[in-house]
Amino acid sequence: MEDKLIRIWDIASRSIKSILAGHEQDIYSLDLACDGRTIASGSGDRTARLWDIETSSETLVLQSEDGIASVAISPDAKYVAAGCLDNLIRIWDAVSGDLVVLFKGHKDAVFSVAFAPNNKHLVSASLDKTTKMWELAPRKGEHPNNTSESSRCIKTFEGHKKFALSATFTPDGKWILSGSKDNEIQFWNVETGESQLTLQGHKNSIISVAASPRGGCFASASGDNSMKIWSYKMI
């Protein structure tokens, strides 16, 4: 949002219910918590913010060292993740605002982050053309704030020819979808790290992918001004 505002719409009446103001630069990303009570926003002003929908108030401001391209709230609403323009992924405690962990590994800006349904993993997509899967909990003997890629990055998915712009898990957590500037959607096997399927159909960059919570279908949005609904069935 170039006017730095977040608008909450009433779907039934198709009218604006409330307007949230606070960001000082363009807003690049929004995410709604599973309980429907909290919104996270990420902006070029180097902050991620949490908002209470009922009261239309800002509840937390999370500081980054660079602009934030993507935000995600964990399914249990305990954490907020941000994909940042300085190639890093920051994860904060959603209550205290403390920085919990800082993931390093991407070689270019991180344009998308999404939590797995089990709250144990995170997926990220970057302008370095890769999609990565991260383990959230520190391993035995590891310091909780260890930031090395080798300790937390458990898979790197390579195959896109251009920027990876969006990524998400399927509801069962067994597959990762990623959309790219190469106009393609990759369907990745979480266990093997291999691409099982490449989907074509859009005529421009895949800006966003989102899986249905019920499984069996997902949506893609593209720079070709279209959105597509895809169905899938695992054999």
C-alpha atoms as a PDB file:
ATOM      1  CA  MET A   1       0.000   0.000   0.000  1.00  0.00           C
ATOM      2  CA  GLU A   2       1.682   3.166  -1.216  1.00  0.00           C
ATOM      3  CA  ASP A   3      -0.386   5.420   1.061  1.00  0.00           C
ATOM      4  CA  LYS A   4       1.067   3.598   4.113  1.00  0.00           C
ATOM      5  CA  LEU A   5      -2.414   2.624   5.355  1.00  0.00           C
ATOM      6  CA  ILE A   6      -4.090  -0.722   6.057  1.00  0.00           C
ATOM      7  CA  ARG A   7      -7.808  -0.955   5.340  1.00  0.00           C
ATOM      8  CA  ILE A   8     -10.031  -3.546   7.014  1.00  0.00           C
ATOM      9  CA  TRP A   9     -13.048  -4.355   4.846  1.00  0.00           C
ATOM     10  CA  ASP A  10     -16.440  -5.717   5.797  1.00  0.00           C
ATOM     11  CA  ILE A  11     -17.048  -8.364   3.144  1.00  0.00           C
ATOM     12  CA  ALA A  12     -20.832  -8.417   3.475  1.00  0.00           C
ATOM     13  CA  SER A  13     -21.315  -4.669   3.061  1.00  0.00           C
ATOM     14  CA  ARG A  14     -18.220  -4.168   0.890  1.00  0.00           C
ATOM     15  CA  SER A  15     -17.319  -1.164   2.999  1.00  0.00           C
ATOM     16  CA  ILE A  16     -14.228  -0.125   4.946  1.00  0.00           C
ATOM     17  CA  LYS A  17     -14.593  -1.058   8.611  1.00  0.00           C
ATOM     18  CA  SER A  18     -11.411   0.599   9.861  1.00  0.00           C
ATOM     19  CA  ILE A  19      -8.124   2.131   8.733  1.00  0.00           C
ATOM     20  CA  LEU A  20      -4.823   1.367  10.467  1.00  0.00           C
ATOM     21  CA  ALA A  21      -2.130   4.050  10.317  1.00  0.00           C
ATOM     22  CA  GLY A  22       1.426   3.957  11.624  1.00  0.00           C
ATOM     23  CA  HIS A  23       3.836   2.873   8.907  1.00  0.00           C
ATOM     24  CA  GLU A  24       6.063   5.581   7.452  1.00  0.00           C
ATOM     25  CA  GLN A  25       6.770   3.952   4.075  1.00  0.00           C
ATOM     26  CA  ASP A  26       5.058   1.588   1.622  1.00  0.00           C
ATOM     27  CA  ILE A  27       3.520  -1.563   3.111  1.00  0.00           C
ATOM     28  CA  TYR A  28       4.658  -4.681   1.247  1.00  0.00           C
ATOM     29  CA  SER A  29       3.050  -7.544   3.148  1.00  0.00           C
ATOM     30  CA  LEU A  30       0.156  -8.482   5.441  1.00  0.00           C
ATOM     31  CA  ASP A  31      -0.733 -11.659   7.300  1.00  0.00           C
ATOM     32  CA  LEU A  32      -3.784 -12.547   9.358  1.00  0.00           C
ATOM     33  CA  ALA A  33      -3.417 -14.734  12.448  1.00  0.00           C
ATOM     34  CA  CYS A  34      -5.358 -18.005  12.468  1.00  0.00           C
ATOM     35  CA  ASP A  35      -7.608 -16.723  15.259  1.00  0.00           C
ATOM     36  CA  GLY A  36      -8.606 -13.736  13.118  1.00  0.00           C
ATOM     37  CA  ARG A  37      -7.731 -11.250  15.846  1.00  0.00           C
ATOM     38  CA  THR A  38      -4.303 -10.001  14.808  1.00  0.00           C
ATOM     39  CA  ILE A  39      -2.755  -8.628  11.620  1.00  0.00           C
ATOM     40  CA  ALA A  40       0.981  -8.430  10.940  1.00  0.00           C
ATOM     41  CA  SER A  41       2.316  -5.893   8.456  1.00  0.00           C
ATOM     42  CA  GLY A  42       5.749  -5.402   6.908  1.00  0.00           C
ATOM     43  CA  SER A  43       7.042  -2.180   5.401  1.00  0.00           C
ATOM     44  CA  GLY A  44       9.924  -0.435   3.742  1.00  0.00           C
ATOM     45  CA  ASP A  45      10.213   1.646   6.919  1.00  0.00           C
ATOM     46  CA  ARG A  46      12.169  -1.262   8.449  1.00  0.00           C
ATOM     47  CA  THR A  47       9.394  -2.317  10.799  1.00  0.00           C
ATOM     48  CA  ALA A  48       6.934  -5.143  11.191  1.00  0.00           C
ATOM     49  CA  ARG A  49       3.850  -4.212  13.183  1.00  0.00           C
ATOM     50  CA  LEU A  50       1.100  -6.133  14.940  1.00  0.00           C
ATOM     51  CA  TRP A  51      -2.446  -4.795  15.031  1.00  0.00           C
ATOM     52  CA  ASP A  52      -5.530  -5.710  17.052  1.00  0.00           C
ATOM     53  CA  ILE A  53      -8.423  -5.944  14.584  1.00  0.00           C
ATOM     54  CA  GLU A  54     -11.172  -5.476  17.179  1.00  0.00           C
ATOM     55  CA  THR A  55      -9.754  -2.254  18.617  1.00  0.00           C
ATOM     56  CA  SER A  56      -8.021  -1.100  15.392  1.00  0.00           C
ATOM     57  CA  SER A  57      -4.911  -0.413  17.458  1.00  0.00           C
ATOM     58  CA  GLU A  58      -1.198  -1.049  17.030  1.00  0.00           C
ATOM     59  CA  THR A  59       0.035  -3.516  19.650  1.00  0.00           C
ATOM     60  CA  LEU A  60       3.701  -4.082  18.774  1.00  0.00           C
ATOM     61  CA  VAL A  61       6.438  -2.527  16.620  1.00  0.00           C
ATOM     62  CA  LEU A  62       9.302  -4.830  15.601  1.00  0.00           C
ATOM     63  CA  GLN A  63      12.498  -3.241  14.303  1.00  0.00           C
ATOM     64  CA  SER A  64      14.616  -4.527  11.399  1.00  0.00           C
ATOM     65  CA  GLU A  65      17.910  -3.321   9.942  1.00  0.00           C
ATOM     66  CA  ASP A  66      16.382  -3.054   6.455  1.00  0.00           C
ATOM     67  CA  GLY A  67      13.044  -3.017   4.679  1.00  0.00           C
ATOM     68  CA  ILE A  68      10.646  -5.919   5.205  1.00  0.00           C
ATOM     69  CA  ALA A  69       9.236  -7.609   2.095  1.00  0.00           C
ATOM     70  CA  SER A  70       7.190 -10.344   3.767  1.00  0.00           C
ATOM     71  CA  VAL A  71       5.643 -11.157   7.151  1.00  0.00           C
ATOM     72  CA  ALA A  72       4.023 -14.276   8.591  1.00  0.00           C
ATOM     73  CA  ILE A  73       2.376 -15.160  11.901  1.00  0.00           C
ATOM     74  CA  SER A  74       2.918 -18.716  13.157  1.00  0.00           C
ATOM     75  CA  PRO A  75      -0.209 -20.927  13.371  1.00  0.00           C
ATOM     76  CA  ASP A  76      -0.012 -20.879  17.180  1.00  0.00           C
ATOM     77  CA  ALA A  77       0.346 -17.057  17.077  1.00  0.00           C
ATOM     78  CA  LYS A  78       3.513 -17.172  19.199  1.00  0.00           C
ATOM     79  CA  TYR A  79       5.938 -15.864  16.579  1.00  0.00           C
ATOM     80  CA  VAL A  80       6.221 -13.336  13.763  1.00  0.00           C
ATOM     81  CA  ALA A  81       8.652 -13.932  10.894  1.00  0.00           C
ATOM     82  CA  ALA A  82       9.922 -11.361   8.426  1.00  0.00           C
ATOM     83  CA  GLY A  83      11.741 -11.745   5.126  1.00  0.00           C
ATOM     84  CA  CYS A  84      14.054  -8.763   4.818  1.00  0.00           C
ATOM     85  CA  LEU A  85      15.857  -6.869   2.073  1.00  0.00           C
ATOM     86  CA  ASP A  86      19.218  -7.422   3.825  1.00  0.00           C
ATOM     87  CA  ASN A  87      18.996 -11.165   2.933  1.00  0.00           C
ATOM     88  CA  LEU A  88      18.035 -12.153   6.493  1.00  0.00           C
ATOM     89  CA  ILE A  89      14.996 -13.728   8.138  1.00  0.00           C
ATOM     90  CA  ARG A  90      14.026 -12.350  11.529  1.00  0.00           C
ATOM     91  CA  ILE A  91      11.708 -14.130  13.947  1.00  0.00           C
ATOM     92  CA  TRP A  92      10.284 -12.325  16.974  1.00  0.00           C
ATOM     93  CA  ASP A  93       8.233 -13.361  19.989  1.00  0.00           C
ATOM     94  CA  ALA A  94       4.736 -12.059  19.177  1.00  0.00           C
ATOM     95  CA  VAL A  95       4.054 -11.099  22.807  1.00  0.00           C
ATOM     96  CA  SER A  96       7.309  -9.639  24.125  1.00  0.00           C
ATOM     97  CA  GLY A  97       8.683  -8.412  20.796  1.00  0.00           C
ATOM     98  CA  ASP A  98      12.068 -10.002  21.532  1.00  0.00           C
ATOM     99  CA  LEU A  99      14.130 -11.197  18.568  1.00  0.00           C
ATOM    100  CA  VAL A 100      14.156 -14.983  18.920  1.00  0.00           C
ATOM    101  CA  VAL A 101      16.368 -15.987  16.012  1.00  0.00           C
ATOM    102  CA  LEU A 102      18.058 -14.511  12.956  1.00  0.00           C
ATOM    103  CA  PHE A 103      18.422 -16.846   9.975  1.00  0.00           C
ATOM    104  CA  LYS A 104      21.330 -16.317   7.568  1.00  0.00           C
ATOM    105  CA  GLY A 105      21.824 -18.205   4.320  1.00  0.00           C
ATOM    106  CA  HIS A 106      20.158 -16.422   1.426  1.00  0.00           C
ATOM    107  CA  LYS A 107      22.415 -14.410  -0.863  1.00  0.00           C
ATOM    108  CA  ASP A 108      19.795 -11.831  -1.860  1.00  0.00           C
ATOM    109  CA  ALA A 109      16.630 -10.234  -0.495  1.00  0.00           C
ATOM    110  CA  VAL A 110      14.050 -12.553   1.077  1.00  0.00           C
ATOM    111  CA  PHE A 111      10.703 -11.840  -0.587  1.00  0.00           C
ATOM    112  CA  SER A 112       8.516 -14.470   1.079  1.00  0.00           C
ATOM    113  CA  VAL A 113       8.240 -16.347   4.380  1.00  0.00           C
ATOM    114  CA  ALA A 114       5.611 -18.822   5.598  1.00  0.00           C
ATOM    115  CA  PHE A 115       5.296 -21.111   8.608  1.00  0.00           C
ATOM    116  CA  ALA A 116       4.543 -24.818   8.332  1.00  0.00           C
ATOM    117  CA  PRO A 117       1.208 -26.001   9.779  1.00  0.00           C
ATOM    118  CA  ASN A 118       3.075 -27.896  12.534  1.00  0.00           C
ATOM    119  CA  ASN A 119       4.799 -24.719  13.839  1.00  0.00           C
ATOM    120  CA  LYS A 120       8.160 -26.500  13.464  1.00  0.00           C
ATOM    121  CA  HIS A 121       9.410 -25.209  10.121  1.00  0.00           C
ATOM    122  CA  LEU A 122       9.577 -22.079   7.992  1.00  0.00           C
ATOM    123  CA  VAL A 123       9.912 -21.697   4.234  1.00  0.00           C
ATOM    124  CA  SER A 124      11.511 -18.704   2.518  1.00  0.00           C
ATOM    125  CA  ALA A 125      11.823 -17.533  -1.088  1.00  0.00           C
ATOM    126  CA  SER A 126      14.574 -15.197  -2.236  1.00  0.00           C
ATOM    127  CA  LEU A 127      15.832 -13.151  -5.148  1.00  0.00           C
ATOM    128  CA  ASP A 128      18.824 -15.534  -5.129  1.00  0.00           C
ATOM    129  CA  LYS A 129      16.446 -17.920  -7.013  1.00  0.00           C
ATOM    130  CA  THR A 130      16.297 -20.419  -4.134  1.00  0.00           C
ATOM    131  CA  THR A 131      13.631 -21.544  -1.709  1.00  0.00           C
ATOM    132  CA  LYS A 132      14.815 -22.709   1.720  1.00  0.00           C
ATOM    133  CA  MET A 133      13.252 -24.691   4.548  1.00  0.00           C
ATOM    134  CA  TRP A 134      14.313 -23.887   8.106  1.00  0.00           C
ATOM    135  CA  GLU A 135      13.976 -25.696  11.417  1.00  0.00           C
ATOM    136  CA  LEU A 136      12.604 -23.366  14.089  1.00  0.00           C
ATOM    137  CA  ALA A 137      13.573 -25.213  17.268  1.00  0.00           C
ATOM    138  CA  PRO A 138      17.296 -25.245  18.163  1.00  0.00           C
ATOM    139  CA  ARG A 139      18.904 -28.663  17.972  1.00  0.00           C
ATOM    140  CA  LYS A 140      20.298 -30.438  21.013  1.00  0.00           C
ATOM    141  CA  GLY A 141      23.357 -28.642  22.331  1.00  0.00           C
ATOM    142  CA  GLU A 142      22.804 -25.608  20.098  1.00  0.00           C
ATOM    143  CA  HIS A 143      22.507 -22.114  21.521  1.00  0.00           C
ATOM    144  CA  PRO A 144      18.940 -20.810  20.998  1.00  0.00           C
ATOM    145  CA  ASN A 145      20.160 -17.754  19.084  1.00  0.00           C
ATOM    146  CA  ASN A 146      22.604 -19.560  16.801  1.00  0.00           C
ATOM    147  CA  THR A 147      22.293 -17.885  13.393  1.00  0.00           C
ATOM    148  CA  SER A 148      24.325 -20.193  11.161  1.00  0.00           C
ATOM    149  CA  GLU A 149      22.639 -21.598   8.067  1.00  0.00           C
ATOM    150  CA  SER A 150      24.081 -25.069   8.595  1.00  0.00           C
ATOM    151  CA  SER A 151      22.340 -25.464  11.941  1.00  0.00           C
ATOM    152  CA  ARG A 152      18.825 -24.438  10.930  1.00  0.00           C
ATOM    153  CA  CYS A 153      18.525 -24.621   7.110  1.00  0.00           C
ATOM    154  CA  ILE A 154      17.525 -28.223   6.457  1.00  0.00           C
ATOM    155  CA  LYS A 155      16.713 -27.998   2.728  1.00  0.00           C
ATOM    156  CA  THR A 156      17.537 -25.717  -0.193  1.00  0.00           C
ATOM    157  CA  PHE A 157      15.278 -26.059  -3.222  1.00  0.00           C
ATOM    158  CA  GLU A 158      16.955 -25.042  -6.482  1.00  0.00           C
ATOM    159  CA  GLY A 159      15.361 -24.985  -9.912  1.00  0.00           C
ATOM    160  CA  HIS A 160      13.867 -21.582 -10.606  1.00  0.00           C
ATOM    161  CA  LYS A 161      15.611 -19.700 -13.410  1.00  0.00           C
ATOM    162  CA  LYS A 162      14.841 -16.258 -11.970  1.00  0.00           C
ATOM    163  CA  PHE A 163      13.853 -14.649  -8.648  1.00  0.00           C
ATOM    164  CA  ALA A 164      11.817 -16.814  -6.261  1.00  0.00           C
ATOM    165  CA  LEU A 165       9.056 -14.438  -5.139  1.00  0.00           C
ATOM    166  CA  SER A 166       6.641 -16.516  -3.083  1.00  0.00           C
ATOM    167  CA  ALA A 167       6.521 -19.811  -1.188  1.00  0.00           C
ATOM    168  CA  THR A 168       4.142 -21.691   1.082  1.00  0.00           C
ATOM    169  CA  PHE A 169       3.447 -25.137   2.532  1.00  0.00           C
ATOM    170  CA  THR A 170       0.513 -27.358   1.661  1.00  0.00           C
ATOM    171  CA  PRO A 171      -1.758 -27.957   4.706  1.00  0.00           C
ATOM    172  CA  ASP A 172      -0.261 -31.405   5.369  1.00  0.00           C
ATOM    173  CA  GLY A 173       3.248 -29.917   5.412  1.00  0.00           C
ATOM    174  CA  LYS A 174       4.534 -32.477   2.898  1.00  0.00           C
ATOM    175  CA  TRP A 175       4.911 -30.123  -0.065  1.00  0.00           C
ATOM    176  CA  ILE A 176       6.159 -26.631  -0.753  1.00  0.00           C
ATOM    177  CA  LEU A 177       4.871 -24.408  -3.535  1.00  0.00           C
ATOM    178  CA  SER A 178       7.047 -21.641  -4.927  1.00  0.00           C
ATOM    179  CA  GLY A 179       6.334 -18.962  -7.512  1.00  0.00           C
ATOM    180  CA  SER A 180       8.980 -17.155  -9.522  1.00  0.00           C
ATOM    181  CA  LYS A 181       9.797 -14.359 -11.936  1.00  0.00           C
ATOM    182  CA  ASP A 182      10.358 -17.167 -14.478  1.00  0.00           C
ATOM    183  CA  ASN A 183       6.503 -17.416 -14.697  1.00  0.00           C
ATOM    184  CA  GLU A 184       6.544 -20.922 -13.212  1.00  0.00           C
ATOM    185  CA  ILE A 185       5.284 -22.629 -10.060  1.00  0.00           C
ATOM    186  CA  GLN A 186       7.366 -25.431  -8.602  1.00  0.00           C
ATOM    187  CA  PHE A 187       5.895 -28.227  -6.476  1.00  0.00           C
ATOM    188  CA  TRP A 188       8.645 -29.411  -4.092  1.00  0.00           C
ATOM    189  CA  ASN A 189       8.854 -32.630  -2.090  1.00  0.00           C
ATOM    190  CA  VAL A 190       9.813 -31.631   1.460  1.00  0.00           C
ATOM    191  CA  GLU A 191      11.523 -34.953   2.205  1.00  0.00           C
ATOM    192  CA  THR A 192      13.670 -35.263  -0.924  1.00  0.00           C
ATOM    193  CA  GLY A 193      14.082 -31.593  -1.815  1.00  0.00           C
ATOM    194  CA  GLU A 194      13.243 -32.397  -5.434  1.00  0.00           C
ATOM    195  CA  SER A 195      10.769 -30.661  -7.711  1.00  0.00           C
ATOM    196  CA  GLN A 196       7.912 -33.041  -8.494  1.00  0.00           C
ATOM    197  CA  LEU A 197       6.054 -30.766 -10.863  1.00  0.00           C
ATOM    198  CA  THR A 198       6.481 -27.519 -12.778  1.00  0.00           C
ATOM    199  CA  LEU A 199       3.303 -25.603 -13.553  1.00  0.00           C
ATOM    200  CA  GLN A 200       3.075 -23.136 -16.412  1.00  0.00           C
ATOM    201  CA  GLY A 201       0.203 -20.956 -17.542  1.00  0.00           C
ATOM    202  CA  HIS A 202       0.891 -17.444 -16.324  1.00  0.00           C
ATOM    203  CA  LYS A 203       2.451 -14.973 -18.748  1.00  0.00           C
ATOM    204  CA  ASN A 204       4.338 -12.965 -16.146  1.00  0.00           C
ATOM    205  CA  SER A 205       5.973 -13.293 -12.721  1.00  0.00           C
ATOM    206  CA  ILE A 206       4.209 -15.351 -10.050  1.00  0.00           C
ATOM    207  CA  ILE A 207       3.866 -12.796  -7.273  1.00  0.00           C
ATOM    208  CA  SER A 208       2.018 -14.938  -4.737  1.00  0.00           C
ATOM    209  CA  VAL A 209       0.947 -18.530  -4.061  1.00  0.00           C
ATOM    210  CA  ALA A 210      -1.495 -19.605  -1.327  1.00  0.00           C
ATOM    211  CA  ALA A 211      -2.702 -23.112  -0.495  1.00  0.00           C
ATOM    212  CA  SER A 212      -6.255 -23.862   0.597  1.00  0.00           C
ATOM    213  CA  PRO A 213      -6.422 -24.929   4.285  1.00  0.00           C
ATOM    214  CA  ARG A 214      -8.568 -27.870   3.172  1.00  0.00           C
ATOM    215  CA  GLY A 215      -5.948 -29.110   0.708  1.00  0.00           C
ATOM    216  CA  GLY A 216      -6.413 -30.173  -2.881  1.00  0.00           C
ATOM    217  CA  CYS A 217      -6.111 -26.729  -4.439  1.00  0.00           C
ATOM    218  CA  PHE A 218      -4.112 -23.518  -4.319  1.00  0.00           C
ATOM    219  CA  ALA A 219      -4.196 -20.038  -5.832  1.00  0.00           C
ATOM    220  CA  SER A 220      -1.552 -18.104  -7.727  1.00  0.00           C
ATOM    221  CA  ALA A 221      -1.430 -14.390  -8.527  1.00  0.00           C
ATOM    222  CA  SER A 222       0.683 -12.997 -11.329  1.00  0.00           C
ATOM    223  CA  GLY A 223       1.999  -9.824 -12.876  1.00  0.00           C
ATOM    224  CA  ASP A 224      -0.066 -10.745 -15.941  1.00  0.00           C
ATOM    225  CA  ASN A 225      -3.082  -9.324 -14.020  1.00  0.00           C
ATOM    226  CA  SER A 226      -4.635 -12.743 -13.469  1.00  0.00           C
ATOM    227  CA  MET A 227      -5.210 -15.134 -10.600  1.00  0.00           C
ATOM    228  CA  LYS A 228      -5.504 -18.875 -11.163  1.00  0.00           C
ATOM    229  CA  ILE A 229      -6.957 -21.652  -9.010  1.00  0.00           C
ATOM    230  CA  TRP A 230      -5.147 -24.975  -9.396  1.00  0.00           C
ATOM    231  CA  SER A 231      -6.272 -28.387  -8.182  1.00  0.00           C
ATOM    232  CA  TYR A 232      -3.905 -31.217  -7.301  1.00  0.00           C
ATOM    233  CA  LYS A 233      -4.113 -34.808  -6.145  1.00  0.00           C
ATOM    234  CA  MET A 234      -1.264 -36.803  -4.645  1.00  0.00           C
ATOM    235  CA  ILE A 235      -0.784 -40.326  -5.983  1.00  0.00           C
END
